Amino acid sequence: MHVNRTLLSIVLVVFALVVQVSVLARLQLPGAVPDLLLMVVLGLAFVYGHVSGALIGFGAGLLADLAPPADHAAGRYALVLCVIGYLAGLARPENGQLRSAFLPMAVVVAAAIGSTLLYAGVGALVGDTAARHVGLGSLLFTAAVYDLLLAPFTVPLIMALARRTVNDPVTESSSGRGDVAAGWLAAGTGLRIGSQRGGLRVKAARNRAARAGRIKGVKRL
């Protein structure tokens, strides 16, 4: 990734992690906790693509694994966010613009449910059965609801910030068309038409002068 992308990703991930640990985790909401870190990974993956999304997800998850009061094995959430960031990056449109809110909202719900299932599945492999005691169904429902409510206030802002660090593909394509058009005109079409028009005007003026001279000559005779 470029330097600007890396710096922005680090700042957003650290900020989201601080808010996640110090504010959201202390709200004592029933079921799951609103996952601001997941929103950051999704927003950046929507703009940067699947490769950067996977790298950002892995780094963000690793920080969450190491940050207190984490009580699970290191690398567990890193794996989850790495997979989520990769899949979210694949959902990025080719033109870099989201024309409707349905796609990102659907991805948010899928990511909330998928991350919860993947986290619980990895935990079951390492012997962590905390999800069973809380209730997996309750976790899935509350995670989807909380993240869906959080997404409209975070994902668009994150995407807007991320777009400032990259060239907009739509703008590039439109500017590319302009360059092609300019090159096409410079190749001869527009300029030749202009020169032809100028030449026609000169010829018309000469013809008028010639006609005027002829008329005067006839009158003199």
Protein backbone atom coordinates (compact mmCIF):
# COMPACT_ATOMS: atom_id res chain seq x y z
CA MET A 1 0.00 0.00 0.00
CA HIS A 2 1.02 3.58 -0.50
CA VAL A 3 2.26 5.69 2.40
CA ASN A 4 -0.93 7.77 2.61
CA ARG A 5 -3.11 4.66 2.65
CA THR A 6 -0.96 3.06 5.32
CA LEU A 7 -0.98 6.12 7.56
CA LEU A 8 -4.73 6.58 7.23
CA SER A 9 -5.36 2.90 7.92
CA ILE A 10 -3.19 2.95 11.04
CA VAL A 11 -4.86 6.09 12.38
CA LEU A 12 -8.37 4.77 11.78
CA VAL A 13 -7.62 1.33 13.20
CA VAL A 14 -6.00 2.71 16.36
CA PHE A 15 -8.80 5.22 16.87
CA ALA A 16 -11.47 2.55 16.36
CA LEU A 17 -9.71 0.18 18.75
CA VAL A 18 -9.50 2.85 21.48
CA VAL A 19 -13.19 3.69 21.10
CA GLN A 20 -14.07 0.01 20.95
CA VAL A 21 -12.29 -0.84 24.19
CA SER A 22 -12.95 2.32 26.20
CA VAL A 23 -16.52 3.16 25.13
CA LEU A 24 -18.42 0.51 23.20
CA ALA A 25 -17.28 -2.43 25.32
CA ARG A 26 -18.51 -0.64 28.47
CA LEU A 27 -22.05 0.05 27.28
CA GLN A 28 -23.25 -3.25 28.73
CA LEU A 29 -25.58 -3.88 25.81
CA PRO A 30 -27.36 -7.24 25.64
CA GLY A 31 -25.67 -9.78 23.42
CA ALA A 32 -22.81 -8.65 21.21
CA VAL A 33 -20.85 -5.40 21.21
CA PRO A 34 -21.00 -2.91 18.30
CA ASP A 35 -17.86 -3.59 16.31
CA LEU A 36 -16.35 -0.28 15.18
CA LEU A 37 -13.13 -2.04 14.18
CA LEU A 38 -15.10 -4.16 11.74
CA MET A 39 -16.64 -1.01 10.23
CA VAL A 40 -13.17 0.44 9.63
CA VAL A 41 -11.99 -2.72 7.89
CA LEU A 42 -15.11 -2.82 5.72
CA GLY A 43 -14.92 0.86 4.77
CA LEU A 44 -11.27 0.64 3.78
CA ALA A 45 -11.75 -2.64 1.93
CA PHE A 46 -14.58 -1.11 -0.11
CA VAL A 47 -12.12 1.47 -1.45
CA TYR A 48 -8.71 -0.25 -1.40
CA GLY A 49 -9.74 -3.71 -2.60
CA HIS A 50 -9.37 -7.26 -1.33
CA VAL A 51 -5.59 -7.41 -0.91
CA SER A 52 -5.38 -4.25 1.16
CA GLY A 53 -8.56 -5.24 2.95
CA ALA A 54 -7.00 -8.52 4.02
CA LEU A 55 -3.81 -6.82 5.24
CA ILE A 56 -5.72 -4.13 7.12
CA GLY A 57 -8.03 -6.72 8.62
CA PHE A 58 -5.14 -8.85 9.81
CA GLY A 59 -3.35 -5.89 11.39
CA ALA A 60 -6.51 -4.58 13.04
CA GLY A 61 -7.43 -8.00 14.37
CA LEU A 62 -3.94 -8.59 15.71
CA LEU A 63 -4.04 -5.30 17.62
CA ALA A 64 -7.43 -6.28 19.04
CA ASP A 65 -5.99 -9.66 20.08
CA LEU A 66 -3.13 -8.01 21.95
CA ALA A 67 -5.01 -5.05 23.44
CA PRO A 68 -6.29 -5.50 27.00
CA PRO A 69 -8.65 -6.81 28.24
CA ALA A 70 -8.40 -9.47 25.52
CA ASP A 71 -8.66 -12.95 27.04
CA HIS A 72 -8.46 -15.11 23.94
CA ALA A 73 -5.61 -16.58 21.91
CA ALA A 74 -3.59 -14.10 19.90
CA GLY A 75 -4.30 -14.28 16.19
CA ARG A 76 -7.88 -15.41 16.57
CA TYR A 77 -9.55 -12.12 15.68
CA ALA A 78 -6.76 -11.34 13.22
CA LEU A 79 -7.77 -14.37 11.19
CA VAL A 80 -11.42 -13.34 11.32
CA LEU A 81 -10.87 -9.77 10.15
CA CYS A 82 -8.36 -10.88 7.53
CA VAL A 83 -10.98 -13.09 5.90
CA ILE A 84 -13.70 -10.44 6.26
CA GLY A 85 -11.48 -7.73 4.77
CA TYR A 86 -10.58 -9.93 1.82
CA LEU A 87 -14.21 -10.84 1.06
CA ALA A 88 -15.40 -7.25 1.51
CA GLY A 89 -12.75 -6.06 -0.93
CA LEU A 90 -14.11 -8.46 -3.52
CA ALA A 91 -17.49 -6.72 -3.23
CA ARG A 92 -15.98 -3.40 -4.31
CA PRO A 93 -17.48 -2.22 -7.63
CA GLU A 94 -15.15 -1.92 -10.59
CA ASN A 95 -15.83 1.79 -11.05
CA GLY A 96 -15.09 2.53 -7.40
CA GLN A 97 -18.51 4.08 -6.77
CA LEU A 98 -21.39 2.63 -4.78
CA ARG A 99 -24.61 3.68 -6.49
CA SER A 100 -26.91 2.42 -3.72
CA ALA A 101 -26.75 1.69 -0.01
CA PHE A 102 -28.08 -1.84 -0.42
CA LEU A 103 -24.75 -3.47 -1.28
CA PRO A 104 -22.70 -2.02 1.62
CA MET A 105 -25.51 -2.64 4.11
CA ALA A 106 -25.85 -6.22 2.91
CA VAL A 107 -22.10 -6.68 3.24
CA VAL A 108 -22.21 -5.21 6.76
CA VAL A 109 -24.88 -7.69 7.87
CA ALA A 110 -23.05 -10.58 6.22
CA ALA A 111 -19.76 -9.47 7.80
CA ALA A 112 -21.33 -9.15 11.26
CA ILE A 113 -22.84 -12.62 11.07
CA GLY A 114 -19.83 -14.15 9.34
CA SER A 115 -17.31 -12.69 11.76
CA THR A 116 -19.32 -13.92 14.74
CA LEU A 117 -19.63 -17.42 13.30
CA LEU A 118 -15.98 -17.54 12.30
CA TYR A 119 -14.85 -16.25 15.68
CA ALA A 120 -17.00 -18.82 17.48
CA GLY A 121 -15.80 -21.57 15.13
CA VAL A 122 -12.13 -20.79 15.71
CA GLY A 123 -12.85 -20.60 19.43
CA ALA A 124 -14.43 -24.04 19.35
CA LEU A 125 -11.29 -25.42 17.70
CA VAL A 126 -9.08 -24.07 20.49
CA GLY A 127 -11.48 -25.10 23.26
CA ASP A 128 -13.18 -21.75 23.93
CA THR A 129 -16.89 -22.42 24.54
CA ALA A 130 -17.89 -18.93 25.71
CA ALA A 131 -20.23 -18.49 22.75
CA ARG A 132 -22.26 -21.50 23.84
CA HIS A 133 -22.89 -20.04 27.28
CA VAL A 134 -23.94 -16.65 25.91
CA GLY A 135 -26.06 -18.11 23.12
CA LEU A 136 -24.87 -18.11 19.52
CA GLY A 137 -28.27 -17.12 18.15
CA SER A 138 -28.46 -14.08 20.39
CA LEU A 139 -24.94 -13.06 19.43
CA LEU A 140 -25.68 -13.32 15.72
CA PHE A 141 -28.87 -11.28 15.95
CA THR A 142 -27.49 -8.52 18.16
CA ALA A 143 -24.23 -8.30 16.19
CA ALA A 144 -26.16 -7.82 12.95
CA VAL A 145 -28.49 -5.22 14.47
CA TYR A 146 -25.77 -3.21 16.26
CA ASP A 147 -23.42 -3.16 13.28
CA LEU A 148 -26.25 -2.30 10.89
CA LEU A 149 -27.16 0.69 13.07
CA LEU A 150 -23.53 1.74 13.37
CA ALA A 151 -22.63 1.38 9.68
CA PRO A 152 -24.46 4.46 8.23
CA PHE A 153 -22.58 6.75 10.60
CA THR A 154 -19.14 5.25 10.06
CA VAL A 155 -18.67 3.41 6.75
CA PRO A 156 -19.48 6.37 4.42
CA LEU A 157 -17.13 8.64 6.37
CA ILE A 158 -14.35 6.06 6.29
CA MET A 159 -14.82 5.55 2.57
CA ALA A 160 -14.74 9.32 1.97
CA LEU A 161 -11.46 9.60 3.85
CA ALA A 162 -10.00 6.62 2.02
CA ARG A 163 -10.90 8.06 -1.39
CA ARG A 164 -8.78 11.11 -0.61
CA THR A 165 -5.69 8.91 -0.58
CA VAL A 166 -6.34 7.36 -3.98
CA ASN A 167 -7.25 8.62 -7.42
CA ASP A 168 -10.95 8.22 -8.11
CA PRO A 169 -11.34 5.61 -10.89
CA VAL A 170 -14.37 7.43 -12.28
CA THR A 171 -12.45 10.69 -12.45
CA GLU A 172 -9.51 8.92 -14.03
CA SER A 173 -11.71 7.32 -16.65
CA SER A 174 -13.44 10.59 -17.45
CA SER A 175 -10.12 12.42 -17.60
CA GLY A 176 -8.77 9.61 -19.72
CA ARG A 177 -11.64 10.12 -22.12
CA GLY A 178 -10.87 13.80 -22.17
CA ASP A 179 -7.24 13.06 -22.98
CA VAL A 180 -8.29 10.70 -25.74
CA ALA A 181 -10.65 13.33 -27.10
CA ALA A 182 -7.95 15.98 -26.88
CA GLY A 183 -5.49 13.71 -28.62
CA TRP A 184 -8.08 12.86 -31.23
CA LEU A 185 -8.68 16.56 -31.89
CA ALA A 186 -4.96 17.26 -31.93
CA ALA A 187 -4.51 14.45 -34.41
CA GLY A 188 -6.37 16.47 -36.97
CA THR A 189 -10.15 16.23 -36.77
CA GLY A 190 -11.06 19.33 -34.79
CA LEU A 191 -8.05 21.38 -35.80
CA ARG A 192 -8.43 20.53 -39.43
CA ILE A 193 -12.06 21.47 -39.33
CA GLY A 194 -11.12 24.80 -37.79
CA SER A 195 -8.40 25.38 -40.36
CA GLN A 196 -10.76 24.34 -43.13
CA ARG A 197 -13.34 26.80 -41.85
CA GLY A 198 -10.71 29.55 -41.77
CA GLY A 199 -9.60 28.65 -45.27
CA LEU A 200 -13.18 28.69 -46.52
CA ARG A 201 -13.66 32.11 -45.01
CA VAL A 202 -10.53 33.41 -46.73
CA LYS A 203 -11.61 31.89 -50.04
CA ALA A 204 -15.08 33.37 -49.66
CA ALA A 205 -13.58 36.79 -49.00
CA ARG A 206 -11.35 36.46 -52.05
CA ASN A 207 -14.27 35.40 -54.21
CA ARG A 208 -16.28 38.37 -53.01
CA ALA A 209 -13.42 40.71 -53.80
CA ALA A 210 -13.03 39.15 -57.23
CA ARG A 211 -16.73 39.46 -57.93
CA ALA A 212 -16.71 43.08 -56.77
CA GLY A 213 -13.78 43.78 -59.11
CA ARG A 214 -15.59 42.15 -62.00
CA ILE A 215 -18.75 44.11 -61.33
CA LYS A 216 -16.81 47.36 -61.19
CA GLY A 217 -15.06 46.50 -64.43
CA VAL A 218 -18.39 45.78 -66.12
CA LYS A 219 -19.86 49.08 -64.90
CA ARG A 220 -16.82 50.96 -66.20
CA LEU A 221 -17.32 49.45 -69.61
